[in-house]
Amino acid sequence: MAPNGWTPVRLGDIVEIKHGWPFKSELFSEELSGRPIVVGIGNFRYTGGFRFSETSVKEYRGDFPKEYELAPGDVLLVMTCQTAGGEILGIPGRIPDDGRVYLHNQRLGKVVTRDGASVDHNYLYWLFLSSEFNRALVNSASGTKILHTAPSRIEAFEFRLPPRPEQLAISHVLGALDDKIELTRRMNETLEAMARALFRSWFVDFDPVRAKEEGRDSGLPREIADLFPSRFVDSEIGKIPADWGVTRVDEEFNVTMGQSPPGETYNEVGEGLPFYQGRADFGTRFPRRRVYCAAPTRFAKRGDTLISVRAPVGDINMATEHCAIGRGVAAARHKGGGRSYTYQVMRNLEDVFARFDAEGTVFGSISKKDFHGIPCLAPRPAIINAFEEVVSSIDSRIEIAAREGHTLAALRNALLPKLISGELRIMHAGIIAERATR
């Protein structure tokens, strides 16, 4: 039961949901040159917010009505979900203030507060993330395999609105947690970029070798610089450092292809090992526990690189614990033991994996034989060890920060429904959030 002073309202009484414009796909371009960017459903995080830095971004190279140009802070809602459960119907995202222009695409609803409505825009964002809002949209949606909602159905949502001061307080508590989560995510992005840049420098662009060949200082410590040769030789994949080789994935890495056990052994109550099957389980860097398996048949160890090998091919994660893998996943580890080197090598094979993803008749997949046969470099073991020594500490920091972000997100998700319903009043929630974000 909602507290006294919380007013029953219909969403459409305080906001209007506006349709987007049907931008022509033939005028989209993935080459970014400063033109306006068309917001797509794929740009949303399924937990709320946008992930433009992690997803495909497309510019629009045609004319469009100016009313569909978005402003920083505008909130868009997802109005189409390609799964029967409708998990992302109503998921909100705020347009960032990053100097770029974004466009309001079709199948997305823009939230516009009505004149005179005593409602905090930030509070509405959290309301849109509530399970009650999502369930209401799913129950009123059209379609079976693909669910669609509409502005009129969104506006029909009924809820109890707290007084404006309490709206602001609820937004502050949840926003403080979200800011901390975002800070953690950005720190990890920076660490990821550092590890990636070092890998490319040593194993893709061969910068230390080029520097020695040209008589320049590589900038590396003497003991590391001495590990690299000073010239290149020709190979089947182009010029490579003189004392390196070209081999196949199965010669350099131990690879385990997943296998799905009987369906009755799956569960969501924690019985057995965490069980990963592909994209549905993968996060930005580490997989999310979603399903468990009581009778697993194929395993990955902590630190193994996990690769999706079916629909789609080439998503990459790293295992944080001993786990089980299904037929949609393979696990790899360099035979020298390097977890960080393995992760970066598999990420660097994205173009190879993309070819298998595109060649599938029903859905993309890569076989064990094809995976094993992918050509790869065989650097000197001492260089791989040197890379591992530097980057392993970075990967450890990434894992710690990701774990902290996961804990904060769990707290935010636990507080959200209680605050939105009034079950938990803001004084107690504020104390909890303050302790978590210190």
Protein backbone atom coordinates (compact mmCIF):
# COMPACT_ATOMS: atom_id res chain seq x y z
CA MET A 1 0.00 0.00 0.00
CA ALA A 2 1.40 3.38 -1.01
CA PRO A 3 2.07 6.00 1.71
CA ASN A 4 -0.28 8.90 2.38
CA GLY A 5 0.19 11.77 -0.03
CA TRP A 6 1.09 9.55 -2.97
CA THR A 7 -1.40 10.47 -5.70
CA PRO A 8 -2.90 7.95 -8.16
CA VAL A 9 -2.07 9.15 -11.68
CA ARG A 10 -2.17 8.01 -15.27
CA LEU A 11 1.21 8.50 -16.99
CA GLY A 12 -0.45 10.26 -19.91
CA ASP A 13 -1.74 12.95 -17.55
CA ILE A 14 1.78 14.15 -16.81
CA VAL A 15 3.80 13.25 -19.95
CA GLU A 16 3.30 12.75 -23.67
CA ILE A 17 5.05 9.92 -25.52
CA LYS A 18 6.01 10.94 -29.06
CA HIS A 19 6.75 8.66 -32.03
CA GLY A 20 10.09 8.80 -33.81
CA TRP A 21 10.79 9.41 -37.51
CA PRO A 22 11.25 6.52 -40.03
CA PHE A 23 14.78 7.39 -41.14
CA LYS A 24 15.78 5.66 -44.38
CA SER A 25 18.26 2.85 -43.77
CA GLU A 26 19.95 3.38 -47.15
CA LEU A 27 21.11 6.80 -45.87
CA PHE A 28 22.77 5.35 -42.76
CA SER A 29 26.57 5.30 -42.59
CA GLU A 30 28.92 3.64 -40.11
CA GLU A 31 31.66 6.06 -41.17
CA LEU A 32 31.56 8.77 -38.52
CA SER A 33 32.21 12.25 -39.86
CA GLY A 34 30.29 14.50 -37.47
CA ARG A 35 26.82 14.09 -38.93
CA PRO A 36 23.80 13.39 -36.67
CA ILE A 37 23.59 9.90 -35.17
CA VAL A 38 20.40 7.84 -35.42
CA VAL A 39 19.59 6.24 -32.07
CA GLY A 40 18.74 2.53 -32.40
CA ILE A 41 17.39 -0.08 -30.01
CA GLY A 42 20.79 -1.77 -30.08
CA ASN A 43 22.34 1.34 -28.50
CA PHE A 44 20.42 0.79 -25.23
CA ARG A 45 21.79 -1.03 -22.22
CA TYR A 46 19.24 -3.60 -21.17
CA THR A 47 19.65 -2.34 -17.60
CA GLY A 48 18.88 1.22 -18.68
CA GLY A 49 20.88 3.98 -20.35
CA PHE A 50 22.84 4.08 -23.59
CA ARG A 51 26.03 2.27 -24.59
CA PHE A 52 27.11 4.22 -27.67
CA SER A 53 30.79 3.47 -26.99
CA GLU A 54 30.16 -0.30 -27.05
CA THR A 55 27.74 -0.69 -29.95
CA SER A 56 27.43 0.10 -33.64
CA VAL A 57 26.72 3.80 -34.21
CA LYS A 58 25.30 5.07 -37.50
CA GLU A 59 25.16 8.58 -38.93
CA TYR A 60 22.36 9.90 -41.11
CA ARG A 61 23.32 11.39 -44.46
CA GLY A 62 19.95 12.72 -45.51
CA ASP A 63 17.48 15.46 -44.68
CA PHE A 64 15.05 15.10 -41.79
CA PRO A 65 12.48 17.20 -39.89
CA LYS A 66 14.25 19.27 -37.21
CA GLU A 67 11.66 18.23 -34.60
CA TYR A 68 13.32 14.79 -34.52
CA GLU A 69 16.66 16.23 -33.42
CA LEU A 70 17.13 15.36 -29.75
CA ALA A 71 18.51 17.53 -26.95
CA PRO A 72 20.84 16.44 -24.13
CA GLY A 73 18.79 14.96 -21.31
CA ASP A 74 15.89 13.84 -23.52
CA VAL A 75 14.60 10.41 -22.46
CA LEU A 76 13.73 7.75 -25.04
CA LEU A 77 11.85 4.50 -24.34
CA VAL A 78 12.20 1.21 -26.25
CA MET A 79 8.86 0.31 -27.90
CA THR A 80 9.83 -2.98 -29.63
CA CYS A 81 11.35 -6.14 -28.13
CA GLN A 82 12.44 -9.14 -30.21
CA THR A 83 11.86 -11.67 -27.45
CA ALA A 84 8.49 -13.02 -26.37
CA GLY A 85 9.22 -12.05 -22.75
CA GLY A 86 9.40 -8.38 -23.65
CA GLU A 87 12.30 -7.80 -21.25
CA ILE A 88 13.36 -4.46 -22.74
CA LEU A 89 9.97 -2.89 -23.44
CA GLY A 90 10.02 0.54 -21.83
CA ILE A 91 13.76 0.54 -21.06
CA PRO A 92 14.83 4.22 -20.89
CA GLY A 93 17.95 6.03 -22.01
CA ARG A 94 19.02 9.67 -21.59
CA ILE A 95 20.62 11.51 -24.51
CA PRO A 96 24.19 12.44 -23.44
CA ASP A 97 25.65 15.93 -23.52
CA ASP A 98 28.76 14.99 -25.50
CA GLY A 99 28.69 17.52 -28.32
CA ARG A 100 27.12 15.10 -30.82
CA VAL A 101 23.67 15.41 -32.36
CA TYR A 102 21.28 12.46 -31.92
CA LEU A 103 18.11 11.71 -33.87
CA HIS A 104 14.78 10.27 -32.66
CA ASN A 105 14.28 7.05 -34.61
CA GLN A 106 11.08 5.06 -35.06
CA ARG A 107 10.17 2.35 -32.51
CA LEU A 108 11.44 4.67 -29.77
CA GLY A 109 9.16 6.87 -27.68
CA LYS A 110 10.30 10.34 -26.59
CA VAL A 111 9.10 11.42 -23.13
CA VAL A 112 7.84 15.01 -23.00
CA THR A 113 6.60 16.41 -19.68
CA ARG A 114 3.29 18.22 -19.95
CA ASP A 115 3.09 21.87 -18.92
CA GLY A 116 2.24 22.29 -15.26
CA ALA A 117 2.93 18.66 -14.32
CA SER A 118 4.53 18.46 -10.87
CA VAL A 119 6.90 15.63 -11.73
CA ASP A 120 10.68 15.30 -11.67
CA HIS A 121 12.09 14.12 -14.99
CA ASN A 122 14.77 12.06 -13.23
CA TYR A 123 12.17 10.34 -11.05
CA LEU A 124 10.33 9.25 -14.20
CA TYR A 125 13.54 7.67 -15.51
CA TRP A 126 13.64 5.40 -12.46
CA LEU A 127 9.93 4.67 -12.74
CA PHE A 128 10.53 3.48 -16.32
CA LEU A 129 13.16 1.04 -15.01
CA SER A 130 10.70 -0.57 -12.59
CA SER A 131 9.44 -4.09 -13.20
CA GLU A 132 5.84 -2.89 -12.75
CA PHE A 133 6.21 -0.55 -15.72
CA ASN A 134 7.76 -3.26 -17.87
CA ARG A 135 5.06 -5.81 -16.96
CA ALA A 136 2.30 -3.35 -17.78
CA LEU A 137 3.76 -2.75 -21.25
CA VAL A 138 4.28 -6.48 -21.87
CA ASN A 139 0.68 -7.27 -20.85
CA SER A 140 -0.73 -4.66 -23.22
CA ALA A 141 1.73 -5.29 -26.12
CA SER A 142 0.80 -6.60 -29.55
CA GLY A 143 2.64 -9.41 -31.35
CA THR A 144 3.89 -12.81 -30.19
CA LYS A 145 7.53 -13.42 -31.10
CA ILE A 146 8.21 -9.69 -31.45
CA LEU A 147 6.34 -7.47 -28.99
CA HIS A 148 5.32 -3.91 -29.77
CA THR A 149 3.99 -1.21 -27.52
CA ALA A 150 2.73 2.25 -28.50
CA PRO A 151 2.55 5.77 -27.04
CA SER A 152 -1.11 5.29 -26.08
CA ARG A 153 -0.32 2.06 -24.21
CA ILE A 154 2.63 3.65 -22.42
CA GLU A 155 0.53 6.66 -21.45
CA ALA A 156 -2.16 4.31 -20.04
CA PHE A 157 0.20 3.12 -17.27
CA GLU A 158 -1.20 3.94 -13.83
CA PHE A 159 0.84 4.37 -10.66
CA ARG A 160 1.04 6.40 -7.44
CA LEU A 161 3.14 9.55 -7.67
CA PRO A 162 4.91 10.74 -4.49
CA PRO A 163 5.08 14.45 -3.61
CA ARG A 164 7.74 16.29 -5.59
CA PRO A 165 10.23 16.60 -2.67
CA GLU A 166 10.16 12.83 -2.22
CA GLN A 167 10.54 12.31 -5.99
CA LEU A 168 13.71 14.42 -5.86
CA ALA A 169 15.02 12.48 -2.86
CA ILE A 170 14.37 9.10 -4.52
CA SER A 171 16.12 10.29 -7.68
CA HIS A 172 19.08 11.49 -5.63
CA VAL A 173 19.58 8.17 -3.85
CA LEU A 174 19.28 6.03 -6.99
CA GLY A 175 21.29 8.54 -8.99
CA ALA A 176 24.17 8.47 -6.50
CA LEU A 177 24.41 4.70 -6.89
CA ASP A 178 24.15 4.99 -10.68
CA ASP A 179 26.88 7.63 -10.79
CA LYS A 180 29.20 5.35 -8.83
CA ILE A 181 28.41 2.45 -11.18
CA GLU A 182 29.11 4.68 -14.19
CA LEU A 183 32.40 5.87 -12.70
CA THR A 184 33.45 2.26 -12.22
CA ARG A 185 32.45 1.42 -15.79
CA ARG A 186 34.45 4.33 -17.21
CA MET A 187 37.50 3.41 -15.17
CA ASN A 188 37.30 -0.09 -16.61
CA GLU A 189 36.99 1.32 -20.12
CA THR A 190 40.25 3.21 -19.55
CA LEU A 191 41.99 0.11 -18.21
CA GLU A 192 40.68 -1.97 -21.12
CA ALA A 193 42.01 0.60 -23.58
CA MET A 194 45.45 0.51 -21.93
CA ALA A 195 45.67 -3.28 -22.17
CA ARG A 196 44.40 -3.25 -25.74
CA ALA A 197 46.85 -0.55 -26.82
CA LEU A 198 49.83 -2.45 -25.42
CA PHE A 199 48.76 -5.66 -27.13
CA ARG A 200 48.38 -3.92 -30.49
CA SER A 201 51.73 -2.19 -30.09
CA TRP A 202 53.61 -5.43 -29.40
CA PHE A 203 51.71 -8.07 -31.35
CA VAL A 204 49.90 -6.27 -34.19
CA ASP A 205 51.88 -3.16 -35.13
CA PHE A 206 55.22 -4.57 -33.85
CA ASP A 207 56.29 -1.11 -32.64
CA PRO A 208 59.32 -2.34 -30.60
CA VAL A 209 60.67 -4.20 -33.66
CA ARG A 210 60.17 -1.19 -35.93
CA ALA A 211 61.92 1.06 -33.44
CA LYS A 212 64.96 -1.23 -33.29
CA GLU A 213 65.00 -1.64 -37.08
CA GLU A 214 65.05 2.15 -37.46
CA GLY A 215 67.57 2.69 -34.67
CA ARG A 216 65.05 4.45 -32.41
CA ASP A 217 64.44 4.07 -28.70
CA SER A 218 61.31 1.96 -28.21
CA GLY A 219 60.61 3.54 -24.83
CA LEU A 220 60.52 0.13 -23.18
CA PRO A 221 62.71 -0.95 -20.27
CA ARG A 222 66.00 -2.41 -21.54
CA GLU A 223 65.21 -5.94 -20.34
CA ILE A 224 61.95 -5.96 -22.33
CA ALA A 225 63.28 -4.19 -25.43
CA ASP A 226 66.05 -6.78 -25.69
CA LEU A 227 63.43 -9.53 -26.13
CA PHE A 228 62.35 -8.15 -29.52
CA PRO A 229 64.28 -8.73 -32.76
CA SER A 230 65.47 -5.84 -34.93
CA ARG A 231 64.15 -6.96 -38.32
CA PHE A 232 61.16 -8.53 -40.11
CA VAL A 233 60.78 -11.57 -42.33
CA ASP A 234 58.11 -12.55 -44.84
CA SER A 235 55.47 -15.11 -43.86
CA GLU A 236 52.16 -16.48 -45.12
CA ILE A 237 50.33 -13.74 -43.23
CA GLY A 238 52.69 -10.89 -44.13
CA LYS A 239 55.81 -9.49 -42.50
CA ILE A 240 56.42 -10.68 -38.93
CA PRO A 241 59.30 -10.28 -36.43
CA ALA A 242 62.31 -12.35 -37.44
CA ASP A 243 62.28 -15.04 -34.78
CA TRP A 244 58.50 -15.42 -34.50
CA GLY A 245 56.47 -18.09 -36.27
CA VAL A 246 53.05 -18.61 -37.82
CA THR A 247 51.00 -21.51 -36.57
CA ARG A 248 47.37 -22.44 -35.79
CA VAL A 249 45.16 -21.75 -32.82
CA ASP A 250 45.29 -25.35 -31.58
CA GLU A 251 49.11 -25.28 -31.61
CA GLU A 252 49.29 -22.18 -29.40
CA PHE A 253 46.16 -22.56 -27.26
CA ASN A 254 44.28 -25.23 -25.36
CA VAL A 255 40.69 -25.00 -26.66
CA THR A 256 37.63 -26.67 -25.14
CA MET A 257 34.43 -26.67 -27.19
CA GLY A 258 31.28 -26.62 -25.08
CA GLN A 259 28.64 -29.33 -25.05
CA SER A 260 25.08 -29.02 -23.78
CA PRO A 261 24.05 -31.57 -21.13
CA PRO A 262 20.45 -32.85 -20.80
CA GLY A 263 17.94 -30.04 -20.35
CA GLU A 264 16.63 -31.34 -17.03
CA THR A 265 19.98 -30.58 -15.41
CA TYR A 266 19.56 -26.81 -15.94
CA ASN A 267 18.28 -24.65 -13.10
CA GLU A 268 18.17 -21.06 -11.85
CA VAL A 269 18.49 -21.82 -8.14
CA GLY A 270 22.26 -22.26 -7.96
CA GLU A 271 22.50 -26.05 -8.10
CA GLY A 272 25.77 -27.14 -9.70
CA LEU A 273 28.10 -24.87 -11.69
CA PRO A 274 27.36 -21.56 -13.43
CA PHE A 275 26.51 -22.54 -17.01
CA TYR A 276 27.29 -20.23 -19.95
CA GLN A 277 25.85 -20.73 -23.43
CA GLY A 278 26.59 -17.53 -25.33
CA ARG A 279 25.56 -13.90 -25.76
CA ALA A 280 22.63 -14.09 -23.33
CA ASP A 281 25.13 -14.81 -20.56
CA PHE A 282 27.96 -12.51 -21.65
CA GLY A 283 28.62 -9.07 -20.19
CA THR A 284 31.02 -6.35 -21.28
CA ARG A 285 34.03 -8.34 -20.00
CA PHE A 286 32.74 -11.03 -17.66
CA PRO A 287 29.71 -13.34 -17.93
CA ARG A 288 26.64 -13.01 -15.71
CA ARG A 289 25.33 -15.89 -13.66
CA ARG A 290 21.92 -16.72 -15.11
CA VAL A 291 21.62 -20.51 -15.40
CA TYR A 292 23.30 -23.34 -13.50
CA CYS A 293 23.93 -26.96 -14.49
CA ALA A 294 23.80 -29.89 -12.06
CA ALA A 295 25.48 -32.36 -14.44
CA PRO A 296 28.00 -30.41 -16.57
CA THR A 297 30.14 -32.13 -19.20
CA ARG A 298 32.53 -29.40 -20.43
CA PHE A 299 34.35 -26.92 -18.24
CA ALA A 300 36.28 -23.65 -18.22
CA LYS A 301 38.70 -22.53 -15.52
CA ARG A 302 38.93 -19.14 -13.86
CA GLY A 303 40.81 -16.82 -16.22
CA ASP A 304 39.96 -18.78 -19.38
CA THR A 305 38.76 -16.74 -22.34
CA LEU A 306 35.19 -17.59 -23.34
CA ILE A 307 34.25 -17.27 -27.02
CA SER A 308 30.73 -17.53 -28.41
CA VAL A 309 30.83 -19.99 -31.32
CA ARG A 310 27.16 -19.98 -32.32
CA ALA A 311 24.76 -17.17 -33.19
CA PRO A 312 26.72 -14.96 -33.02
CA VAL A 313 30.34 -16.03 -33.45
CA GLY A 314 33.02 -13.99 -31.74
CA ASP A 315 31.65 -12.42 -28.56
CA ILE A 316 34.48 -12.53 -26.01
CA ASN A 317 34.37 -12.76 -22.19
CA MET A 318 36.68 -13.99 -19.43
CA ALA A 319 35.65 -16.57 -16.85
CA THR A 320 35.87 -15.35 -13.25
CA GLU A 321 35.38 -18.82 -11.74
CA HIS A 322 35.31 -22.52 -12.53
CA CYS A 323 32.21 -22.96 -14.71
CA ALA A 324 30.44 -25.12 -17.28
CA ILE A 325 30.09 -24.22 -20.97
CA GLY A 326 27.39 -25.21 -23.44
CA ARG A 327 27.66 -25.81 -27.17
CA GLY A 328 27.45 -22.10 -27.92
CA VAL A 329 30.74 -21.38 -26.12
CA ALA A 330 34.40 -22.38 -26.36
CA ALA A 331 37.07 -21.83 -23.71
CA ALA A 332 40.70 -21.03 -24.58
CA ARG A 333 43.96 -20.53 -22.71
CA HIS A 334 47.46 -20.09 -24.10
CA LYS A 335 49.59 -23.17 -23.52
CA GLY A 336 52.02 -21.00 -21.59
CA GLY A 337 49.21 -20.14 -19.17
CA GLY A 338 48.74 -16.45 -20.05
CA ARG A 339 45.12 -15.40 -19.43
CA SER A 340 45.58 -11.76 -20.48
CA TYR A 341 47.43 -12.65 -23.68
CA THR A 342 44.75 -15.19 -24.60
CA TYR A 343 41.95 -12.68 -24.07
CA GLN A 344 43.61 -10.08 -26.30
CA VAL A 345 44.44 -12.59 -29.06
CA MET A 346 40.83 -13.79 -29.21
CA ARG A 347 39.59 -10.22 -29.33
CA ASN A 348 42.02 -9.57 -32.19
CA LEU A 349 40.41 -12.40 -34.21
CA GLU A 350 37.09 -10.52 -34.46
CA ASP A 351 37.35 -10.16 -38.26
CA VAL A 352 37.96 -13.92 -38.62
CA PHE A 353 35.02 -14.75 -36.35
CA ALA A 354 32.82 -12.30 -38.27
CA ARG A 355 33.32 -14.28 -41.47
CA PHE A 356 31.95 -17.44 -39.85
CA ASP A 357 29.07 -15.45 -38.39
CA ALA A 358 28.18 -14.17 -41.86
CA GLU A 359 28.49 -17.54 -43.60
CA GLY A 360 25.81 -19.34 -41.56
CA THR A 361 22.70 -20.33 -43.48
CA VAL A 362 20.31 -20.27 -40.50
CA PHE A 363 22.69 -18.82 -37.92
CA GLY A 364 26.42 -18.30 -37.73
CA SER A 365 28.67 -20.93 -36.17
CA ILE A 366 32.27 -22.11 -36.18
CA SER A 367 33.25 -25.77 -35.88
CA LYS A 368 36.03 -27.18 -33.74
CA LYS A 369 38.06 -27.96 -36.87
CA ASP A 370 37.69 -24.44 -38.24
CA PHE A 371 38.45 -22.85 -34.89
CA HIS A 372 41.59 -24.95 -34.42
CA GLY A 373 42.74 -24.14 -37.94
CA ILE A 374 42.72 -20.34 -37.64
CA PRO A 375 46.25 -19.03 -38.37
CA CYS A 376 47.92 -17.15 -35.54
CA LEU A 377 51.30 -15.78 -34.54
CA ALA A 378 53.73 -17.66 -32.32
CA PRO A 379 55.78 -14.97 -30.55
CA ARG A 380 58.74 -15.82 -28.37
CA PRO A 381 57.46 -17.16 -25.01
CA ALA A 382 59.56 -14.60 -23.13
CA ILE A 383 57.68 -11.76 -24.82
CA ILE A 384 54.31 -13.29 -23.98
CA ASN A 385 55.45 -13.66 -20.37
CA ALA A 386 56.55 -10.02 -20.27
CA PHE A 387 53.17 -8.91 -21.63
CA GLU A 388 51.39 -11.10 -19.09
CA GLU A 389 53.37 -9.64 -16.22
CA VAL A 390 52.31 -6.10 -17.16
CA VAL A 391 48.69 -6.69 -18.21
CA SER A 392 47.70 -9.32 -15.67
CA SER A 393 47.65 -6.64 -12.95
CA ILE A 394 45.45 -4.46 -15.17
CA ASP A 395 43.05 -7.36 -15.68
CA SER A 396 42.92 -7.94 -11.93
CA ARG A 397 41.95 -4.29 -11.37
CA ILE A 398 39.28 -4.61 -14.06
CA GLU A 399 37.84 -7.68 -12.34
CA ILE A 400 37.78 -6.02 -8.91
CA ALA A 401 36.07 -2.91 -10.31
CA ALA A 402 33.56 -5.02 -12.24
CA ARG A 403 32.71 -6.92 -9.06
CA GLU A 404 32.19 -3.63 -7.21
CA GLY A 405 29.96 -2.35 -10.01
CA HIS A 406 27.94 -5.56 -9.91
CA THR A 407 27.43 -5.20 -6.15
CA LEU A 408 26.32 -1.57 -6.50
CA ALA A 409 23.96 -2.48 -9.34
CA ALA A 410 22.43 -5.25 -7.22
CA LEU A 411 21.86 -2.75 -4.40
CA ARG A 412 20.33 -0.21 -6.78
CA ASN A 413 18.06 -2.85 -8.30
CA ALA A 414 16.96 -3.99 -4.84
CA LEU A 415 16.18 -0.43 -3.70
CA LEU A 416 14.40 0.62 -6.90
CA PRO A 417 11.09 -1.28 -6.53
CA LYS A 418 10.90 -0.56 -2.80
CA LEU A 419 11.40 3.19 -3.31
CA ILE A 420 9.08 3.45 -6.29
CA SER A 421 6.30 1.64 -4.39
CA GLY A 422 6.86 3.50 -1.10
CA GLU A 423 7.63 0.28 0.78
CA LEU A 424 11.00 1.83 1.76
CA ARG A 425 11.02 5.49 2.72
CA ILE A 426 13.81 7.69 1.60
CA MET A 427 15.47 8.30 5.00
CA HIS A 428 16.44 4.64 5.38
CA ALA A 429 17.38 4.26 1.70
CA GLY A 430 19.64 7.31 1.89
CA ILE A 431 21.64 5.79 4.74
CA ILE A 432 22.10 2.55 2.76
CA ALA A 433 23.19 4.38 -0.40
CA GLU A 434 25.59 6.68 1.49
CA ARG A 435 27.39 3.71 3.01
CA ALA A 436 27.61 1.93 -0.37
CA THR A 437 29.08 4.90 -2.25
CA ARG A 438 31.73 6.03 0.24
